[in-house]
Amino acid sequence: MSGAIFAANWKMHHGPAAARELVRAVLSRTNPREGRLLLFIPPAVSLTAVADEVRGRDDVAVGAQNIHWEPKGAFTGEMSAALAREGGASWVLVGHSERRHKLGETDAESGLKVAAALAAGLAPILCVGETQEERQTGRKEAVVRRQLEAGVGALDGTALAAVTVAYEPVWAIGTGVNATPEDAAAMHRSVREWLSGRLGAPAPNRILYGGSVTPGNAGALLAQPEVQGVLVGGASLTAESWVGIVETASGSVQRSGR
């Protein structure tokens, strides 16, 4: 679990031209750092453009925001794992809260997508997290463990160890309200406990935090040993903000000995 992952989820922003410009700006201001991965997750139309721009930087990778679990077929508007790879992705988000709560993605579908990603050689990031109501009624851990069970519970040990998990409390996505570092660390410990129980050994998986991450709070979040990276939305849309997060939080990771 050395280093950290800094994942920039651009959501429905930045076509190919804007994506190229932003990547160039970010890469010109960041130098490779051992163990640190910068992950750009653009909309599908910009996958190839971003992949072209990051070629030659071993510390940078590209991810897709979503895939369909079927390898091909009559699924208008969808993208298979194989197509995502051909477009330049090596990672993929699965089960982002916006897909679950705005577009109706089910826990079971997230599980199918994780399996499809692994079969195609993509590294999946399974997103889990509770709503405000679920948190207030004391169900936050039960909800997250249910999502883990559906998303990766059927995997064998080798496949399970290859999955990255992102804890993104739904009440913190795009609201400006983020979990405290202590809140994030507590849920990350719960996730790792579940993973370790399934693996029968300490889980090697990296667990990211996502939810209103900014240059102002990223360092405190990454100072928690349980937090191995961040999944960032709005604050990753400009070079100034994104570089601020990467450089500030990288210092916290380095000081913690990771």
Protein backbone atom coordinates (compact mmCIF):
# COMPACT_ATOMS: atom_id res chain seq x y z
CA MET A 1 0.00 0.00 0.00
CA SER A 2 2.96 2.34 -0.57
CA GLY A 3 2.26 5.74 -2.06
CA ALA A 4 -1.18 7.04 -2.88
CA ILE A 5 -3.65 7.30 -5.73
CA PHE A 6 -4.91 10.73 -6.78
CA ALA A 7 -7.93 10.10 -9.00
CA ALA A 8 -9.53 12.99 -10.92
CA ASN A 9 -13.12 12.19 -11.92
CA TRP A 10 -14.14 14.84 -14.45
CA LYS A 11 -17.72 13.56 -14.70
CA MET A 12 -19.52 15.23 -17.64
CA HIS A 13 -16.87 17.91 -18.24
CA HIS A 14 -14.01 18.50 -20.68
CA GLY A 15 -14.19 17.32 -24.28
CA PRO A 16 -11.00 16.23 -26.07
CA ALA A 17 -9.54 19.72 -26.65
CA ALA A 18 -10.15 20.93 -23.08
CA ALA A 19 -8.96 17.59 -21.71
CA ARG A 20 -5.65 17.81 -23.56
CA GLU A 21 -5.10 21.34 -22.33
CA LEU A 22 -5.80 20.43 -18.71
CA VAL A 23 -3.58 17.34 -18.75
CA ARG A 24 -0.70 19.30 -20.24
CA ALA A 25 -1.08 21.97 -17.56
CA VAL A 26 -1.13 19.41 -14.75
CA LEU A 27 1.81 17.38 -16.03
CA SER A 28 3.91 20.51 -16.54
CA ARG A 29 3.48 21.29 -12.82
CA THR A 30 3.99 17.82 -11.35
CA ASN A 31 7.06 15.64 -11.37
CA PRO A 32 6.94 11.85 -11.03
CA ARG A 33 7.09 10.70 -7.42
CA GLU A 34 7.81 7.11 -6.44
CA GLY A 35 4.67 5.22 -5.41
CA ARG A 36 2.28 8.05 -6.36
CA LEU A 37 -0.24 7.49 -9.14
CA LEU A 38 -2.07 10.33 -10.86
CA LEU A 39 -5.25 8.95 -12.41
CA PHE A 40 -7.30 10.96 -14.91
CA ILE A 41 -10.89 9.79 -15.37
CA PRO A 42 -12.39 11.80 -18.24
CA PRO A 43 -15.71 11.33 -20.04
CA ALA A 44 -15.61 8.58 -22.65
CA VAL A 45 -15.28 10.99 -25.57
CA SER A 46 -11.95 12.21 -24.15
CA LEU A 47 -10.38 8.88 -23.17
CA THR A 48 -8.09 8.58 -26.17
CA ALA A 49 -7.08 12.23 -26.09
CA VAL A 50 -6.00 11.95 -22.45
CA ALA A 51 -4.25 8.61 -23.03
CA ASP A 52 -2.23 10.20 -25.82
CA GLU A 53 -1.18 13.09 -23.57
CA VAL A 54 0.01 10.95 -20.64
CA ARG A 55 2.00 8.48 -22.72
CA GLY A 56 5.55 8.28 -21.39
CA ARG A 57 4.68 9.14 -17.79
CA ASP A 58 4.73 5.92 -15.76
CA ASP A 59 3.23 7.72 -12.77
CA VAL A 60 0.07 8.65 -14.68
CA ALA A 61 -2.83 6.49 -15.85
CA VAL A 62 -6.27 6.89 -17.41
CA GLY A 63 -9.58 5.46 -16.24
CA ALA A 64 -13.12 5.17 -17.60
CA GLN A 65 -16.08 6.47 -15.61
CA ASN A 66 -18.26 3.44 -16.31
CA ILE A 67 -18.53 0.23 -18.32
CA HIS A 68 -21.25 -2.23 -19.23
CA TRP A 69 -20.77 -5.80 -18.02
CA GLU A 70 -21.52 -7.40 -21.39
CA PRO A 71 -18.55 -7.69 -23.81
CA LYS A 72 -20.58 -6.48 -26.81
CA GLY A 73 -24.13 -6.24 -28.12
CA ALA A 74 -27.15 -4.02 -28.62
CA PHE A 75 -26.57 -1.62 -25.72
CA THR A 76 -26.85 1.83 -27.24
CA GLY A 77 -24.85 4.44 -25.37
CA GLU A 78 -22.85 1.90 -23.35
CA MET A 79 -19.16 0.97 -23.43
CA SER A 80 -17.68 -2.46 -22.73
CA ALA A 81 -14.53 -3.03 -20.73
CA ALA A 82 -12.71 -4.04 -23.92
CA LEU A 83 -13.74 -0.82 -25.65
CA ALA A 84 -12.58 1.20 -22.66
CA ARG A 85 -9.17 -0.49 -22.86
CA GLU A 86 -8.96 0.14 -26.58
CA GLY A 87 -9.75 3.79 -25.90
CA GLY A 88 -6.77 4.04 -23.55
CA ALA A 89 -8.17 3.22 -20.10
CA SER A 90 -6.39 0.92 -17.67
CA TRP A 91 -8.69 1.69 -14.72
CA VAL A 92 -12.46 2.06 -14.33
CA LEU A 93 -14.87 3.45 -11.75
CA VAL A 94 -17.68 1.11 -10.73
CA GLY A 95 -20.76 2.01 -8.71
CA HIS A 96 -20.14 5.73 -8.31
CA SER A 97 -22.82 7.24 -6.10
CA GLU A 98 -24.20 9.30 -8.97
CA ARG A 99 -24.71 6.17 -11.03
CA ARG A 100 -26.33 4.39 -8.08
CA HIS A 101 -28.62 7.22 -6.94
CA LYS A 102 -29.27 9.20 -10.12
CA LEU A 103 -29.11 6.49 -12.80
CA GLY A 104 -30.39 3.47 -10.87
CA GLU A 105 -27.32 1.24 -10.90
CA THR A 106 -27.92 -1.65 -8.51
CA ASP A 107 -25.51 -3.39 -6.17
CA ALA A 108 -25.75 -6.51 -8.33
CA GLU A 109 -24.90 -4.59 -11.50
CA SER A 110 -21.83 -3.16 -9.79
CA GLY A 111 -20.70 -6.70 -9.08
CA LEU A 112 -21.11 -7.66 -12.74
CA LYS A 113 -19.09 -4.63 -13.79
CA VAL A 114 -16.24 -5.41 -11.39
CA ALA A 115 -16.04 -8.94 -12.79
CA ALA A 116 -16.12 -7.65 -16.38
CA ALA A 117 -13.37 -5.13 -15.65
CA LEU A 118 -11.08 -7.75 -14.15
CA ALA A 119 -11.71 -10.15 -17.03
CA ALA A 120 -10.70 -7.46 -19.52
CA GLY A 121 -7.58 -6.42 -17.63
CA LEU A 122 -8.94 -3.17 -16.21
CA ALA A 123 -8.29 -2.23 -12.59
CA PRO A 124 -11.67 -1.52 -10.95
CA ILE A 125 -12.32 1.09 -8.28
CA LEU A 126 -15.50 0.05 -6.49
CA CYS A 127 -17.27 3.05 -4.97
CA VAL A 128 -19.25 2.52 -1.76
CA GLY A 129 -20.95 4.88 0.66
CA GLU A 130 -24.04 5.70 2.66
CA THR A 131 -26.66 8.43 2.40
CA GLN A 132 -27.24 10.99 5.15
CA GLU A 133 -30.40 9.15 6.28
CA GLU A 134 -28.55 5.83 6.44
CA ARG A 135 -25.80 7.46 8.48
CA GLN A 136 -28.20 9.16 10.90
CA THR A 137 -30.06 5.91 11.54
CA GLY A 138 -26.88 4.01 12.37
CA ARG A 139 -26.78 1.90 9.21
CA LYS A 140 -23.67 3.33 7.55
CA GLU A 141 -21.42 0.30 8.08
CA ALA A 142 -24.18 -2.17 7.17
CA VAL A 143 -24.83 -0.30 3.91
CA VAL A 144 -21.17 -0.19 2.94
CA ARG A 145 -20.66 -3.86 3.75
CA ARG A 146 -23.74 -4.76 1.70
CA GLN A 147 -22.26 -2.89 -1.25
CA LEU A 148 -18.93 -4.64 -0.76
CA GLU A 149 -20.60 -8.04 -0.61
CA ALA A 150 -22.51 -7.44 -3.84
CA GLY A 151 -19.57 -5.79 -5.59
CA VAL A 152 -16.70 -8.12 -4.77
CA GLY A 153 -18.05 -10.87 -2.51
CA ALA A 154 -17.99 -13.50 -5.26
CA LEU A 155 -14.33 -12.93 -6.19
CA ASP A 156 -11.54 -15.31 -5.27
CA GLY A 157 -8.63 -14.03 -3.21
CA THR A 158 -6.39 -13.04 -6.10
CA ALA A 159 -9.13 -11.07 -7.86
CA LEU A 160 -10.34 -9.47 -4.63
CA ALA A 161 -6.84 -8.24 -3.81
CA ALA A 162 -6.73 -6.46 -7.20
CA VAL A 163 -9.75 -4.24 -6.44
CA THR A 164 -9.37 -0.69 -5.14
CA VAL A 165 -12.23 0.61 -2.99
CA ALA A 166 -13.34 4.25 -2.80
CA TYR A 167 -15.39 5.31 0.20
CA GLU A 168 -17.58 8.22 -0.91
CA PRO A 169 -20.31 9.14 1.56
CA VAL A 170 -23.26 10.20 -0.60
CA TRP A 171 -24.00 13.16 1.66
CA ALA A 172 -20.58 14.60 0.84
CA ILE A 173 -20.62 14.28 -2.96
CA GLY A 174 -20.71 17.73 -4.52
CA THR A 175 -22.21 19.29 -1.40
CA GLY A 176 -19.17 21.08 -0.02
CA VAL A 177 -19.55 19.04 3.16
CA ASN A 178 -16.85 16.42 3.59
CA ALA A 179 -16.37 13.72 6.17
CA THR A 180 -13.83 14.61 8.83
CA PRO A 181 -10.49 12.82 8.58
CA GLU A 182 -11.55 10.78 11.60
CA ASP A 183 -14.89 9.83 9.98
CA ALA A 184 -13.10 8.73 6.83
CA ALA A 185 -10.48 6.77 8.75
CA ALA A 186 -13.13 4.94 10.77
CA MET A 187 -15.00 3.77 7.68
CA HIS A 188 -11.77 2.84 5.92
CA ARG A 189 -10.87 0.64 8.89
CA SER A 190 -14.27 -1.04 8.61
CA VAL A 191 -13.78 -1.65 4.88
CA ARG A 192 -10.30 -3.08 5.44
CA GLU A 193 -11.61 -5.32 8.21
CA TRP A 194 -14.22 -6.72 5.81
CA LEU A 195 -11.65 -7.25 3.06
CA SER A 196 -9.17 -8.87 5.42
CA GLY A 197 -11.87 -11.19 6.71
CA ARG A 198 -12.58 -12.34 3.16
CA LEU A 199 -8.91 -12.76 2.29
CA GLY A 200 -7.97 -14.45 5.55
CA ALA A 201 -4.97 -12.11 5.76
CA PRO A 202 -4.27 -8.39 5.97
CA ALA A 203 -5.84 -6.83 2.88
CA PRO A 204 -3.37 -5.20 0.45
CA ASN A 205 -6.11 -3.13 -1.22
CA ARG A 206 -5.79 0.62 -1.37
CA ILE A 207 -8.86 2.47 -0.05
CA LEU A 208 -9.53 5.98 -1.32
CA TYR A 209 -11.72 8.74 0.09
CA GLY A 210 -14.04 10.79 -2.13
CA GLY A 211 -16.44 13.56 -1.19
CA SER A 212 -15.84 17.33 -1.47
CA VAL A 213 -12.05 16.96 -1.36
CA THR A 214 -10.27 20.32 -1.77
CA PRO A 215 -6.70 21.65 -1.53
CA GLY A 216 -7.68 22.79 1.95
CA ASN A 217 -8.64 19.39 3.38
CA ALA A 218 -6.75 16.87 1.24
CA GLY A 219 -3.62 16.99 3.38
CA ALA A 220 -5.51 16.21 6.60
CA LEU A 221 -7.35 13.34 4.93
CA LEU A 222 -4.17 11.79 3.52
CA ALA A 223 -2.42 12.19 6.87
CA GLN A 224 -4.67 9.39 8.12
CA PRO A 225 -2.80 6.08 7.60
CA GLU A 226 -6.10 4.41 6.66
CA VAL A 227 -6.57 6.73 3.65
CA GLN A 228 -4.44 5.66 0.68
CA GLY A 229 -5.67 8.19 -1.84
CA VAL A 230 -8.48 10.48 -2.92
CA LEU A 231 -11.18 10.38 -5.59
CA VAL A 232 -11.90 13.99 -6.51
CA GLY A 233 -14.67 15.53 -8.60
CA GLY A 234 -15.14 19.28 -8.93
CA ALA A 235 -11.77 20.23 -7.49
CA SER A 236 -10.01 18.23 -10.23
CA LEU A 237 -11.47 20.31 -13.07
CA THR A 238 -8.80 23.02 -13.05
CA ALA A 239 -5.04 22.64 -13.03
CA GLU A 240 -4.58 25.04 -10.13
CA SER A 241 -6.96 23.20 -7.83
CA TRP A 242 -5.88 19.71 -8.85
CA VAL A 243 -2.15 20.40 -8.54
CA GLY A 244 -2.84 22.02 -5.18
CA ILE A 245 -4.45 18.80 -3.96
CA VAL A 246 -1.76 16.54 -5.39
CA GLU A 247 1.20 18.49 -4.07
CA THR A 248 -0.27 19.33 -0.65
CA ALA A 249 -1.54 15.82 0.04
CA SER A 250 1.60 14.16 -1.32
CA GLY A 251 3.53 15.92 1.43
CA SER A 252 1.19 14.43 4.03
CA VAL A 253 1.69 10.95 2.59
CA GLN A 254 5.47 11.37 2.60
CA ARG A 255 5.49 12.57 6.22
CA SER A 256 3.42 9.58 7.27
CA GLY A 257 6.07 7.25 5.81
CA ARG A 258 3.94 5.89 2.96
